[in-house]
Amino acid sequence: MTETATGADEDLVRRLPFPLAQLYRRAHNAKAALERHQAAYYVWEAGLKLLGSAALVEYAAMEERDPQLLDRLRNLARPSLGHWWEFVRKLLPILAESGRAPAFTAARDLLLGRARDDLPRAAGLDAALREASGEAAGGRSVTRLSELFDRLVRYRNRELGHGAAGQRSEAHYD
């Protein structure tokens, strides 16, 4: 890992698709806590949409398709963030089982698999989101990424999106 003075991981920046790399840099270069908070969130949101898009393209290339899932995919006309997360949750297992691309198996195992104790920053974010929503956060060092993603979608609706509660303090966003 090659970090700059701002803490940016240059090896990661080189591996990321350009739009994600831009958002990642924006998060690291932001001066205000709200700006860092929003940019970091948008990196995650764009990554989720990118994964969802890749899964949709791969699913469309399959010969067999589930009629119930095809009905859910009608939400592609105007997908919300919750729809993107739903597409990922439903498509990753299908694509992983099809054996079409090993990357989908790895993504399924990471996002929809067991609770993880090797992702301390994700566990910290999960605890912060639990606390922000009024749940008992505790000092958990284990997190299930599927539950964290569910919380991130709810957080977006409450804090950043159509149901946004309004401005909070710099300390809150920091």
Foldseek 3Di string as FASTA:
>chain_A
DDQDPLRDDVVVLVVDDVVLSVLSVQLSPDDFLQSVLVSVLVSVLVVLQVLLVVLVVVQVPDPDDDPVVVVLCVCVVPPDSVSSLVSLQPRLVVCCVVVPDVVSVVVCCQQVHDKDLPCQVLLVLQLLLCVVVPHHSPPDSIGRNNVSSVSSSVCCCDPPDPNRPDDDDSVSSD
